[in-house]
């Protein structure tokens, strides 16, 4: 169950972009950006869940290969598909959402490929603890997207890493739930009009 706390890490990792005078600015799309996490339960099977974002922003300069991102996650949005488990995760024993209302990832791209960021380094603050994290993209794309009447330039992809929930003070029930948390952050960011 503690693995859920780690879960929001991935959400933070969310979207990478860059900053410079010519850098494009982006806003994280909260309707299409989530942190997905998985832990092993009782050494048998994976339990999965997701956490949503409250807000976020990023910058990207493909020519200079710089990108920066900041994402705020909402631990109260944890959804495992099991309401009783969600309630336990929100309680003091795990995320303690009454005290820690948001989690945050802030970082920058450290590797580009074909003009888009593929690896990000930064810091994740979760449960009042800040630790360095490194995220790698399974894929990352920037392109013009048309959805019905919407026409906009979007960057995003799936970023992944593995964390230890105990590093963030989420170390309850380690005999039942793995300390290792696998996370994937699926993110979309919309370029702001110039």
Protein backbone atom coordinates (compact mmCIF):
# COMPACT_ATOMS: atom_id res chain seq x y z
CA UNK A 1 0.00 0.00 0.00
CA UNK A 2 2.88 2.33 0.62
CA UNK A 3 3.87 1.83 -2.93
CA UNK A 4 1.12 4.24 -3.76
CA UNK A 5 3.08 7.03 -2.22
CA UNK A 6 5.84 6.34 -4.63
CA UNK A 7 3.26 6.35 -7.30
CA UNK A 8 2.96 10.01 -7.42
CA UNK A 9 6.54 10.32 -8.18
CA UNK A 10 5.90 9.24 -11.66
CA UNK A 11 3.22 11.76 -12.03
CA UNK A 12 5.71 14.45 -11.20
CA UNK A 13 8.12 13.22 -13.55
CA UNK A 14 5.46 14.01 -15.98
CA UNK A 15 6.69 16.27 -18.81
CA UNK A 16 10.02 17.70 -19.67
CA UNK A 17 10.76 20.88 -21.46
CA UNK A 18 13.44 23.52 -21.70
CA UNK A 19 14.13 27.14 -21.00
CA UNK A 20 15.89 29.86 -22.91
CA UNK A 21 14.95 33.12 -24.55
CA UNK A 22 13.62 31.22 -27.58
CA UNK A 23 12.12 28.41 -25.53
CA UNK A 24 8.49 27.50 -26.12
CA UNK A 25 6.24 27.46 -23.06
CA UNK A 26 3.85 24.60 -22.34
CA UNK A 27 1.11 23.87 -19.85
CA UNK A 28 0.57 20.36 -18.57
CA UNK A 29 -2.81 18.98 -19.67
CA UNK A 30 -4.35 17.60 -16.42
CA UNK A 31 -6.95 15.62 -18.40
CA UNK A 32 -4.26 13.57 -20.15
CA UNK A 33 -1.42 13.42 -17.63
CA UNK A 34 -1.27 10.74 -14.94
CA UNK A 35 1.27 8.89 -12.84
CA UNK A 36 0.74 5.14 -13.02
CA UNK A 37 2.36 2.92 -10.41
CA UNK A 38 2.69 -0.76 -9.61
CA UNK A 39 3.90 -2.70 -6.57
CA UNK A 40 4.02 -6.40 -5.86
CA UNK A 41 1.43 -7.54 -3.31
CA UNK A 42 2.34 -10.45 -0.99
CA UNK A 43 5.07 -11.47 -3.43
CA UNK A 44 2.43 -12.76 -5.85
CA UNK A 45 0.94 -10.20 -8.22
CA UNK A 46 1.09 -6.49 -9.03
CA UNK A 47 -1.30 -3.94 -7.63
CA UNK A 48 -1.66 -0.89 -9.85
CA UNK A 49 -3.01 2.61 -9.49
CA UNK A 50 -2.76 6.14 -10.74
CA UNK A 51 -2.58 9.71 -9.48
CA UNK A 52 -3.59 12.87 -11.30
CA UNK A 53 -1.94 16.25 -11.64
CA UNK A 54 -3.20 19.58 -10.31
CA UNK A 55 -1.10 21.81 -12.54
CA UNK A 56 2.22 21.99 -14.30
CA UNK A 57 4.33 23.92 -16.75
CA UNK A 58 7.32 23.32 -18.96
CA UNK A 59 9.63 24.96 -21.45
CA UNK A 60 11.39 23.42 -24.44
CA UNK A 61 14.06 24.69 -26.78
CA UNK A 62 14.71 21.91 -29.30
CA UNK A 63 17.51 23.82 -31.04
CA UNK A 64 19.49 24.34 -27.83
CA UNK A 65 18.37 20.97 -26.43
CA UNK A 66 17.15 22.40 -23.13
CA UNK A 67 13.97 21.58 -21.29
CA UNK A 68 12.56 22.20 -17.83
CA UNK A 69 9.39 21.03 -16.11
CA UNK A 70 7.45 21.49 -12.88
CA UNK A 71 4.44 19.32 -12.02
CA UNK A 72 2.19 19.32 -8.97
CA UNK A 73 0.35 16.07 -8.20
CA UNK A 74 -2.74 15.45 -6.10
CA UNK A 75 -2.35 12.45 -3.77
CA UNK A 76 -6.07 12.68 -2.97
CA UNK A 77 -6.74 11.57 -6.54
CA UNK A 78 -5.19 8.11 -6.02
CA UNK A 79 -7.29 5.50 -7.78
CA UNK A 80 -6.52 1.79 -7.53
CA UNK A 81 -9.98 0.64 -8.53
CA UNK A 82 -10.56 -0.48 -4.92
CA UNK A 83 -12.23 2.26 -2.86
CA UNK A 84 -11.27 0.72 0.50
CA UNK A 85 -7.62 0.62 -0.54
CA UNK A 86 -7.78 4.21 -1.80
CA UNK A 87 -9.10 5.29 1.62
CA UNK A 88 -6.25 3.48 3.41
CA UNK A 89 -3.67 5.11 1.12
CA UNK A 90 -5.11 8.57 1.81
CA UNK A 91 -4.92 8.01 5.58
CA UNK A 92 -2.07 8.90 7.97
CA UNK A 93 -0.53 5.45 7.56
CA UNK A 94 0.48 6.24 3.97
CA UNK A 95 0.11 9.48 2.01
CA UNK A 96 -1.53 11.41 4.84
CA UNK A 97 -3.33 13.70 2.39
CA UNK A 98 -4.70 15.90 5.17
CA UNK A 99 -1.12 17.00 5.88
CA UNK A 100 0.60 16.55 2.51
CA UNK A 101 -1.88 17.93 -0.01
CA UNK A 102 0.43 17.93 -3.03
CA UNK A 103 3.55 16.30 -4.37
CA UNK A 104 5.94 17.98 -6.78
CA UNK A 105 8.45 17.07 -9.45
CA UNK A 106 10.81 19.72 -10.78
CA UNK A 107 13.53 18.82 -13.24
CA UNK A 108 15.30 19.24 -16.56
CA UNK A 109 16.16 17.17 -19.59
CA UNK A 110 19.61 15.55 -19.56
CA UNK A 111 19.44 13.70 -22.90
CA UNK A 112 17.83 14.50 -26.26
CA UNK A 113 17.26 12.33 -29.32
CA UNK A 114 15.91 13.61 -32.63
CA UNK A 115 15.10 17.01 -31.10
CA UNK A 116 13.03 15.75 -28.15
CA UNK A 117 13.98 15.05 -24.53
CA UNK A 118 14.46 11.36 -23.66
CA UNK A 119 15.83 11.50 -20.09
CA UNK A 120 15.11 13.83 -17.20
CA UNK A 121 16.80 14.49 -13.87
CA UNK A 122 15.22 16.36 -11.01
CA UNK A 123 13.76 16.17 -7.55
CA UNK A 124 10.58 14.61 -6.32
CA UNK A 125 8.95 15.87 -3.16
CA UNK A 126 6.56 13.33 -1.69
CA UNK A 127 5.21 12.91 1.82
CA UNK A 128 7.38 15.86 2.91
CA UNK A 129 10.60 14.24 1.64
CA UNK A 130 12.63 15.46 -1.35
CA UNK A 131 14.87 13.02 -3.27
CA UNK A 132 16.61 13.04 -6.67
CA UNK A 133 14.94 11.01 -9.43
CA UNK A 134 15.88 10.04 -12.99
CA UNK A 135 13.21 9.33 -15.63
CA UNK A 136 13.66 7.68 -19.02
CA UNK A 137 11.18 8.02 -21.88
CA UNK A 138 9.84 4.90 -23.59
CA UNK A 139 8.94 7.37 -26.31
CA UNK A 140 8.53 11.15 -26.50
CA UNK A 141 6.88 13.08 -29.34
CA UNK A 142 6.20 16.72 -30.22
CA UNK A 143 3.67 17.31 -33.00
CA UNK A 144 0.62 19.17 -34.24
CA UNK A 145 -2.52 17.34 -33.10
CA UNK A 146 -6.08 17.75 -34.39
CA UNK A 147 -8.90 16.44 -32.20
CA UNK A 148 -12.34 17.30 -33.53
CA UNK A 149 -12.33 21.11 -33.51
CA UNK A 150 -9.10 21.46 -31.51
CA UNK A 151 -5.83 22.09 -33.32
CA UNK A 152 -2.76 22.44 -31.12
CA UNK A 153 0.93 21.60 -30.80
CA UNK A 154 1.52 18.96 -28.12
CA UNK A 155 4.57 17.29 -26.56
CA UNK A 156 4.44 14.19 -24.40
CA UNK A 157 5.12 10.55 -23.89
CA UNK A 158 5.61 7.86 -21.27
CA UNK A 159 8.40 8.32 -18.72
CA UNK A 160 9.48 5.56 -16.38
CA UNK A 161 11.59 4.87 -13.33
CA UNK A 162 11.78 2.59 -10.31
CA UNK A 163 11.71 3.98 -6.76
CA UNK A 164 11.81 2.77 -3.20
CA UNK A 165 8.82 3.96 -1.22
CA UNK A 166 10.82 3.71 2.00
CA UNK A 167 13.04 6.55 0.72
CA UNK A 168 9.99 8.80 1.16
CA UNK A 169 9.03 7.56 4.62
CA UNK A 170 6.39 5.22 3.20
CA UNK A 171 7.65 2.05 4.79
CA UNK A 172 4.58 0.41 6.32
CA UNK A 173 3.73 -3.21 5.52
CA UNK A 174 6.95 -4.02 3.71
CA UNK A 175 6.28 -7.71 4.38
CA UNK A 176 3.06 -7.44 2.31
CA UNK A 177 3.88 -4.81 -0.29
CA UNK A 178 7.17 -4.44 -2.16
CA UNK A 179 9.42 -1.53 -1.31
CA UNK A 180 10.18 -1.19 -5.01
CA UNK A 181 7.65 0.82 -6.98
CA UNK A 182 7.53 0.81 -10.76
CA UNK A 183 6.13 3.97 -12.21
CA UNK A 184 5.17 5.29 -15.59
CA UNK A 185 4.21 8.89 -16.10
CA UNK A 186 2.03 9.43 -19.12
CA UNK A 187 2.11 13.12 -19.94
CA UNK A 188 0.78 15.60 -22.48
CA UNK A 189 1.72 19.27 -22.56
CA UNK A 190 0.15 21.90 -24.79
CA UNK A 191 2.28 24.67 -26.28
CA UNK A 192 1.09 28.13 -25.35
CA UNK A 193 0.30 30.58 -28.12
CA UNK A 194 3.12 32.98 -28.90
